[in-house]
């Protein structure tokens, strides 16, 4: 079966090669910019397959494309796709699970240490020529060893973070929809209720999916429960944290600091920090541009998995990583 495929944005070349070597007719958006809905609809009107990215809003209008049969999402999450609309039109949706667990866990720990030891502030200070001599109170940060890490969502990534935190001498507590006895045993993690976690943790790391129940999961009430030395890290989904209340907590030193790899305005096409929050003006928050999975190795694996899903479909095989309804919600990035 010869499929026409549209790849919505540049991805690692290995994925494109797989599609072309499979004999498929491939068109790639080489501009490396997010297409508007109108542009995307126009591009796929004669295509059977769409390789989409998290920044593409694949809603009912997009899925109404007359020839579309499969959407391979270059992401672990799939909240950018209207799964009900896809099911109604019998369009297969796939994603790239399990591939970025270790990479995101590494990024989480990197952010945790960067905030705790005020790495970005110190770097900026030094580059600006302000460093003159060692001082006993200069950029005092916090140790991680012996401290308590609270993990919200103990799925694959949360478990990988727990593993690393334990190796670093941290205590682990967690809240999840269900207990993970294996992680409790292996890393001496302790299950607690959400409120207890917020009160006891020195560091809080979010690893929840974005659902109606988790939107604004961390807001004014939750921030008020945290310790004044607490550090919040979010590498999951932006709208889980109510940013305006976080800004106020950071401004007023209600908590020590935060690190965000995702933002409330996502997964819209772009984020305008000037119109959304004052995060960019705060020294006690570190911002990375949704790059928790941005290692060469991981992004290549994602490209291979997404491309292989389309190849399998073209060869009348069931793709390995189909997103099925009813959804089994899991704690994924």
Protein backbone atom coordinates (compact mmCIF):
# COMPACT_ATOMS: atom_id res chain seq x y z
CA UNK A 1 0.00 0.00 0.00
CA UNK A 2 1.57 3.28 -1.13
CA UNK A 3 0.67 6.06 1.26
CA UNK A 4 1.07 9.76 0.94
CA UNK A 5 2.51 11.08 4.19
CA UNK A 6 2.77 14.60 5.52
CA UNK A 7 5.33 15.29 8.25
CA UNK A 8 4.17 18.43 10.03
CA UNK A 9 7.63 19.66 11.01
CA UNK A 10 11.27 18.71 10.63
CA UNK A 11 12.22 15.68 12.70
CA UNK A 12 15.51 13.74 12.87
CA UNK A 13 16.36 12.54 9.38
CA UNK A 14 16.37 8.89 10.39
CA UNK A 15 12.58 9.01 10.58
CA UNK A 16 12.23 10.52 7.12
CA UNK A 17 14.60 7.90 5.69
CA UNK A 18 12.49 5.08 7.12
CA UNK A 19 9.38 6.48 5.44
CA UNK A 20 11.09 6.98 2.09
CA UNK A 21 12.92 3.65 2.17
CA UNK A 22 9.51 2.08 2.78
CA UNK A 23 8.38 3.38 -0.59
CA UNK A 24 6.04 6.04 0.78
CA UNK A 25 5.38 9.42 -0.81
CA UNK A 26 6.67 11.84 1.82
CA UNK A 27 6.19 15.61 2.11
CA UNK A 28 7.86 17.46 4.98
CA UNK A 29 7.19 20.93 6.35
CA UNK A 30 10.78 22.09 6.00
CA UNK A 31 10.11 25.55 7.42
CA UNK A 32 10.49 24.19 11.00
CA UNK A 33 7.57 26.36 12.09
CA UNK A 34 4.18 25.30 13.41
CA UNK A 35 1.56 25.40 10.68
CA UNK A 36 -1.76 27.09 11.23
CA UNK A 37 -4.82 24.87 11.23
CA UNK A 38 -5.74 26.10 7.76
CA UNK A 39 -2.25 25.32 6.46
CA UNK A 40 -2.27 21.87 8.03
CA UNK A 41 -5.69 21.02 6.59
CA UNK A 42 -4.54 22.13 3.15
CA UNK A 43 -1.37 20.02 3.37
CA UNK A 44 -3.15 16.78 4.30
CA UNK A 45 -6.17 17.01 2.01
CA UNK A 46 -4.65 14.35 -0.28
CA UNK A 47 -2.68 12.47 2.41
CA UNK A 48 -3.52 9.19 4.10
CA UNK A 49 -0.97 9.64 6.91
CA UNK A 50 0.01 12.54 9.16
CA UNK A 51 3.10 12.51 11.33
CA UNK A 52 2.13 15.18 13.84
CA UNK A 53 3.96 16.88 16.68
CA UNK A 54 2.76 17.99 20.08
CA UNK A 55 2.47 21.56 18.79
CA UNK A 56 -0.06 20.50 16.15
CA UNK A 57 -3.68 20.76 17.25
CA UNK A 58 -5.25 17.77 15.54
CA UNK A 59 -8.92 18.47 16.18
CA UNK A 60 -12.13 17.41 14.48
CA UNK A 61 -11.60 19.79 11.56
CA UNK A 62 -8.15 18.42 10.84
CA UNK A 63 -9.34 14.84 11.26
CA UNK A 64 -12.12 15.47 8.73
CA UNK A 65 -9.54 15.37 5.95
CA UNK A 66 -11.14 12.99 3.41
CA UNK A 67 -8.26 10.54 2.93
CA UNK A 68 -6.66 10.55 6.38
CA UNK A 69 -6.27 7.06 7.88
CA UNK A 70 -3.50 7.34 10.50
CA UNK A 71 -1.98 10.02 12.75
CA UNK A 72 1.42 9.14 14.21
CA UNK A 73 2.11 11.57 17.04
CA UNK A 74 5.79 12.37 17.62
CA UNK A 75 5.29 12.51 21.39
CA UNK A 76 4.50 10.37 24.39
CA UNK A 77 1.47 12.48 25.26
CA UNK A 78 -1.51 12.88 22.94
CA UNK A 79 -3.57 15.68 24.49
CA UNK A 80 -3.13 17.61 21.23
CA UNK A 81 -5.35 15.09 19.40
CA UNK A 82 -9.13 14.75 19.57
CA UNK A 83 -9.19 11.00 20.16
CA UNK A 84 -12.98 10.75 20.12
CA UNK A 85 -13.15 12.43 16.73
CA UNK A 86 -10.42 10.10 15.46
CA UNK A 87 -12.32 7.05 16.72
CA UNK A 88 -15.53 8.22 15.08
CA UNK A 89 -13.74 8.49 11.73
CA UNK A 90 -11.87 5.20 12.32
CA UNK A 91 -8.52 6.99 12.14
CA UNK A 92 -5.67 5.20 13.92
CA UNK A 93 -3.67 7.32 16.39
CA UNK A 94 -0.23 6.24 17.62
CA UNK A 95 2.33 7.76 19.95
CA UNK A 96 5.90 7.12 21.15
CA UNK A 97 5.71 5.73 24.71
CA UNK A 98 8.56 4.55 26.97
CA UNK A 99 11.20 6.23 24.83
CA UNK A 100 11.96 9.35 26.84
CA UNK A 101 11.62 8.17 30.44
CA UNK A 102 15.30 8.29 31.35
CA UNK A 103 15.97 11.51 29.44
CA UNK A 104 13.15 13.42 31.15
CA UNK A 105 14.18 12.05 34.54
CA UNK A 106 17.71 13.35 33.95
CA UNK A 107 16.39 16.77 32.98
CA UNK A 108 14.21 16.84 36.09
CA UNK A 109 17.16 16.20 38.37
CA UNK A 110 19.24 18.76 36.46
CA UNK A 111 16.57 21.40 37.01
CA UNK A 112 16.22 20.48 40.66
CA UNK A 113 19.93 21.03 41.29
CA UNK A 114 20.08 24.15 39.13
CA UNK A 115 17.42 25.86 41.24
CA UNK A 116 18.71 24.54 44.56
CA UNK A 117 22.26 25.74 43.88
CA UNK A 118 21.17 28.90 42.02
CA UNK A 119 23.26 27.96 38.99
CA UNK A 120 21.58 30.27 36.46
CA UNK A 121 21.64 33.26 38.81
CA UNK A 122 25.32 32.67 39.54
CA UNK A 123 26.20 32.30 35.88
CA UNK A 124 24.39 35.52 34.96
CA UNK A 125 26.06 37.37 37.85
CA UNK A 126 29.51 36.23 36.77
CA UNK A 127 28.96 37.01 33.08
CA UNK A 128 27.84 40.52 33.98
CA UNK A 129 31.23 41.16 35.59
CA UNK A 130 29.83 41.46 39.10
CA UNK A 131 32.00 38.76 40.65
CA UNK A 132 34.88 40.33 42.57
CA UNK A 133 35.78 37.87 45.31
CA UNK A 134 34.54 34.87 47.24
CA UNK A 135 31.96 35.73 49.88
CA UNK A 136 30.53 33.60 52.70
CA UNK A 137 26.94 34.58 51.87
CA UNK A 138 27.23 34.78 48.09
CA UNK A 139 24.41 32.87 46.34
CA UNK A 140 23.62 30.52 49.18
CA UNK A 141 21.60 27.60 47.93
CA UNK A 142 20.32 24.33 49.34
CA UNK A 143 21.69 20.82 49.66
CA UNK A 144 19.68 17.94 48.25
CA UNK A 145 21.17 15.14 50.32
CA UNK A 146 18.95 14.17 53.22
CA UNK A 147 16.06 16.26 51.90
CA UNK A 148 12.61 14.99 50.94
CA UNK A 149 11.49 14.80 47.33
CA UNK A 150 7.74 14.68 46.78
CA UNK A 151 6.68 13.13 43.47
CA UNK A 152 3.22 13.83 42.08
CA UNK A 153 2.49 10.98 39.67
CA UNK A 154 4.57 7.83 40.06
CA UNK A 155 4.41 6.44 36.55
CA UNK A 156 7.42 5.58 34.40
CA UNK A 157 9.09 8.98 34.63
CA UNK A 158 8.20 9.56 38.27
CA UNK A 159 9.69 6.16 39.14
CA UNK A 160 12.88 6.99 37.22
CA UNK A 161 13.16 10.25 39.16
CA UNK A 162 12.66 8.34 42.43
CA UNK A 163 15.52 6.03 41.47
CA UNK A 164 17.89 8.94 40.89
CA UNK A 165 16.79 10.82 43.99
CA UNK A 166 17.42 7.77 46.17
CA UNK A 167 20.91 7.37 44.71
CA UNK A 168 21.56 11.02 45.64
CA UNK A 169 20.66 10.40 49.26
CA UNK A 170 17.20 11.95 49.18
CA UNK A 171 14.06 10.64 50.86
CA UNK A 172 11.14 9.98 48.51
CA UNK A 173 7.44 10.44 49.17
CA UNK A 174 4.79 10.28 46.48
CA UNK A 175 1.12 10.68 45.66
CA UNK A 176 -0.49 8.72 42.85
CA UNK A 177 -3.92 7.40 41.91
CA UNK A 178 -2.76 4.00 43.11
CA UNK A 179 0.18 2.82 45.17
CA UNK A 180 3.32 1.52 43.49
CA UNK A 181 4.52 -1.18 45.86
CA UNK A 182 7.52 -2.09 43.72
CA UNK A 183 8.91 1.45 43.89
CA UNK A 184 8.10 1.66 47.60
CA UNK A 185 10.15 -1.47 48.23
CA UNK A 186 13.05 -0.72 45.88
CA UNK A 187 13.57 2.94 46.77
CA UNK A 188 12.03 3.06 50.23
CA UNK A 189 9.43 5.50 48.87
CA UNK A 190 6.50 6.39 51.10
CA UNK A 191 2.94 6.88 49.83
CA UNK A 192 1.21 9.96 51.27
CA UNK A 193 -1.86 12.02 50.46
CA UNK A 194 -1.44 15.07 48.25
CA UNK A 195 -1.77 17.57 51.11
CA UNK A 196 0.80 15.75 53.23
CA UNK A 197 3.23 15.68 50.34
CA UNK A 198 2.90 19.42 49.80
CA UNK A 199 3.55 20.11 53.47
CA UNK A 200 6.48 17.72 53.96
CA UNK A 201 8.46 17.90 50.71
CA UNK A 202 11.51 20.11 50.24
CA UNK A 203 11.39 19.45 46.50
CA UNK A 204 8.22 18.70 44.52
CA UNK A 205 8.35 17.19 41.05
CA UNK A 206 5.28 16.88 38.80
CA UNK A 207 4.83 13.85 36.54
CA UNK A 208 1.10 13.81 35.83
CA UNK A 209 -0.83 13.66 32.56
CA UNK A 210 -2.95 16.68 31.65
CA UNK A 211 -6.60 15.82 32.23
CA UNK A 212 -9.61 17.87 33.35
CA UNK A 213 -8.84 16.67 36.88
CA UNK A 214 -5.17 17.73 36.84
CA UNK A 215 -5.63 21.17 35.25
CA UNK A 216 -4.50 23.71 37.89
CA UNK A 217 -3.60 20.81 40.17
CA UNK A 218 -1.12 23.21 41.75
CA UNK A 219 -2.77 26.53 42.57
CA UNK A 220 -2.97 29.06 45.38
CA UNK A 221 -4.11 26.56 48.00
CA UNK A 222 -1.38 24.07 47.16
CA UNK A 223 1.36 26.69 47.05
CA UNK A 224 0.28 27.99 50.46
CA UNK A 225 0.86 24.52 51.94
CA UNK A 226 4.46 24.26 50.74
CA UNK A 227 7.50 25.02 52.86
CA UNK A 228 9.18 28.37 52.38
CA UNK A 229 12.31 26.50 51.27
CA UNK A 230 10.35 24.35 48.78
CA UNK A 231 11.32 24.03 45.13
CA UNK A 232 8.73 23.09 42.49
CA UNK A 233 9.76 21.34 39.25
CA UNK A 234 7.36 20.76 36.36
CA UNK A 235 8.44 18.71 33.33
CA UNK A 236 4.95 17.29 32.67
CA UNK A 237 2.32 19.66 31.26
CA UNK A 238 2.13 23.42 31.75
CA UNK A 239 -1.56 23.84 32.67
CA UNK A 240 -1.10 21.56 35.68
CA UNK A 241 0.34 24.64 37.43
CA UNK A 242 -1.61 27.89 37.71
CA UNK A 243 1.19 30.21 36.65
CA UNK A 244 -0.18 33.52 37.94
CA UNK A 245 -0.36 32.16 41.48
CA UNK A 246 3.11 30.65 41.09
CA UNK A 247 4.46 34.04 40.04
CA UNK A 248 3.04 35.63 43.18
CA UNK A 249 4.48 32.88 45.37
CA UNK A 250 7.91 33.35 43.80
CA UNK A 251 7.76 37.13 43.97
CA UNK A 252 6.83 37.09 47.64
CA UNK A 253 9.41 34.39 48.45
CA UNK A 254 6.58 32.15 49.60
CA UNK A 255 8.65 29.28 48.17
CA UNK A 256 12.35 29.16 47.42
CA UNK A 257 12.15 28.62 43.69
CA UNK A 258 10.77 26.75 40.71
CA UNK A 259 11.85 25.21 37.41
CA UNK A 260 9.48 24.89 34.46
CA UNK A 261 10.05 23.05 31.22
CA UNK A 262 6.40 23.48 30.20
CA UNK A 263 4.02 26.41 30.35
CA UNK A 264 0.35 27.12 30.89
CA UNK A 265 -0.13 28.46 27.37
CA UNK A 266 0.90 25.12 25.85
CA UNK A 267 0.00 23.14 23.82
CA UNK A 268 -1.08 26.20 21.83
CA UNK A 269 1.11 27.20 18.90
CA UNK A 270 3.36 29.55 20.85
CA UNK A 271 3.90 31.08 24.25
CA UNK A 272 4.02 34.84 24.76
CA UNK A 273 5.48 35.34 28.22
CA UNK A 274 4.70 39.07 28.17
CA UNK A 275 0.99 38.38 27.89
CA UNK A 276 0.87 35.30 30.12
CA UNK A 277 2.99 35.84 33.22
CA UNK A 278 6.01 37.61 34.63
CA UNK A 279 8.01 34.41 34.92
CA UNK A 280 10.80 35.65 32.67
CA UNK A 281 11.52 38.56 35.02
CA UNK A 282 12.07 36.40 38.12
CA UNK A 283 15.49 35.23 39.24
CA UNK A 284 14.21 32.35 41.38
CA UNK A 285 12.69 30.41 38.49
CA UNK A 286 14.49 28.52 35.72
CA UNK A 287 12.73 28.21 32.37
CA UNK A 288 13.62 25.68 29.68
CA UNK A 289 11.74 25.56 26.35
CA UNK A 290 10.06 22.14 26.61
CA UNK A 291 13.38 20.36 26.15
CA UNK A 292 13.18 17.67 28.84
CA UNK A 293 13.29 15.00 26.14
CA UNK A 294 15.74 16.88 23.94
CA UNK A 295 18.65 14.50 23.72
CA UNK A 296 19.94 13.38 20.32
CA UNK A 297 19.38 9.74 21.23
CA UNK A 298 15.81 10.16 22.45
CA UNK A 299 14.58 12.37 19.63
CA UNK A 300 15.98 9.91 17.08
CA UNK A 301 14.16 7.04 18.79
CA UNK A 302 10.92 9.03 18.71
CA UNK A 303 11.34 9.65 14.97
CA UNK A 304 11.93 5.95 14.34
CA UNK A 305 8.87 4.91 16.36
CA UNK A 306 6.53 7.40 14.70
CA UNK A 307 7.77 6.51 11.22
CA UNK A 308 7.55 2.77 11.91
CA UNK A 309 3.90 3.13 12.93
CA UNK A 310 3.11 4.53 9.49
CA UNK A 311 5.21 1.88 7.75
CA UNK A 312 3.39 -0.87 9.64
CA UNK A 313 0.02 0.58 8.67
CA UNK A 314 1.09 0.85 5.03
CA UNK A 315 2.03 -2.85 5.14
CA UNK A 316 -1.36 -3.83 6.59
CA UNK A 317 0.10 -4.49 10.05
CA UNK A 318 -1.23 -3.15 13.33
CA UNK A 319 1.16 -0.44 14.58
CA UNK A 320 2.65 -1.32 17.94
CA UNK A 321 1.78 1.85 19.84
CA UNK A 322 -1.87 2.58 19.08
CA UNK A 323 -3.71 4.90 21.47
CA UNK A 324 -6.93 3.09 22.22
CA UNK A 325 -10.29 4.09 23.66
CA UNK A 326 -11.37 3.87 26.39
CA UNK A 327 -8.15 5.48 27.58
CA UNK A 328 -6.19 4.01 30.41
CA UNK A 329 -4.82 7.22 31.94
CA UNK A 330 -1.23 6.83 33.05
CA UNK A 331 1.32 9.22 34.45
CA UNK A 332 3.22 10.08 31.29
CA UNK A 333 4.91 13.15 29.88
